[in-house]
Protein backbone atom coordinates (compact mmCIF):
# COMPACT_ATOMS: atom_id res chain seq x y z
CA MET A 1 -0.20 -0.06 -0.04
CA GLY A 2 2.45 2.62 0.91
CA ARG A 3 4.46 2.23 -2.57
CA ASP A 4 1.45 2.91 -4.26
CA ILE A 5 0.52 6.30 -2.23
CA PRO A 6 3.17 8.27 -4.03
CA THR A 7 2.10 7.54 -7.27
CA GLN A 8 -1.61 8.23 -6.60
CA LYS A 9 -0.85 11.60 -5.01
CA SER A 10 0.96 12.71 -8.29
CA GLY A 11 -1.71 11.24 -10.18
CA PHE A 12 -4.17 13.87 -9.74
CA CYS A 13 -1.51 16.77 -10.45
CA GLY A 14 -2.11 18.54 -13.86
CA MET A 15 -5.59 17.84 -13.74
CA LEU A 16 -8.18 20.79 -14.21
CA GLY A 17 -8.86 22.29 -10.62
CA GLY A 18 -6.40 19.82 -9.45
CA PRO A 19 -3.28 20.31 -7.42
CA VAL A 20 -0.03 21.90 -8.36
CA ASN A 21 2.29 19.20 -7.04
CA PRO A 22 1.98 16.29 -4.89
CA GLU A 23 2.80 17.77 -1.86
CA ASN A 24 -0.93 19.41 -2.08
CA VAL A 25 -2.43 16.10 -1.65
CA LEU A 26 -3.54 14.55 1.56
CA HIS A 27 -3.79 10.74 1.47
CA ILE A 28 -6.08 9.54 4.17
CA VAL A 29 -5.71 5.61 5.45
CA ASP A 30 -9.06 4.58 7.38
CA PHE A 31 -8.23 1.59 9.85
CA GLU A 32 -11.61 1.21 10.91
CA ASN A 33 -12.11 -2.48 9.62
CA ILE A 34 -8.45 -3.65 10.76
CA PRO A 35 -7.87 -5.59 13.89
CA VAL A 36 -6.55 -3.47 16.56
CA ASP A 37 -3.35 -5.59 16.96
CA LYS A 38 -2.63 -5.42 13.50
CA ILE A 39 -2.83 -1.50 12.91
CA GLN A 40 0.45 -0.20 13.92
CA SER A 41 2.44 -2.67 11.91
CA MET A 42 0.33 -1.48 8.85
CA GLN A 43 1.16 1.93 9.87
CA ASP A 44 4.85 1.33 10.14
CA TYR A 45 4.90 -0.44 6.73
CA ILE A 46 2.89 2.31 4.74
CA LEU A 47 5.37 4.77 5.82
CA LEU A 48 8.13 3.15 5.44
CA ASN A 49 7.38 2.00 1.81
CA ALA A 50 6.09 5.63 1.09
CA GLU A 51 9.60 7.00 2.49
CA ASN A 52 11.48 4.23 0.44
CA ARG A 53 9.52 5.19 -2.71
CA CYS A 54 9.76 9.09 -2.50
CA GLY A 55 11.94 9.84 0.30
CA THR A 56 8.73 11.23 2.54
CA SER A 57 5.81 9.99 4.24
CA ASP A 58 4.31 13.71 4.24
CA GLY A 59 0.96 14.13 3.47
CA ILE A 60 -0.25 10.74 4.63
CA LYS A 61 -2.86 10.46 7.82
CA PHE A 62 -4.30 7.58 9.31
CA LEU A 63 -7.82 7.24 10.93
CA ASN A 64 -9.27 5.11 13.70
CA VAL A 65 -5.65 4.70 15.31
CA LYS A 66 -7.01 5.90 18.97
CA ASP A 67 -7.17 2.33 20.35
CA LEU A 68 -3.38 1.85 19.79
């Protein structure tokens, strides 16, 4: 999942009314239906893959992690 986020964020750039660059795109990952004991490892995996792919995990936010 984290490997695809940078590509998805830049995919909206250049569209009519779209963002100028990927840094203007917020990517939200919702863990509502993920078991609580799996959330932290999934969150770590997503951030690591995003950082490996584009050097940053900025602009990625997580929902429903309050039970960690």
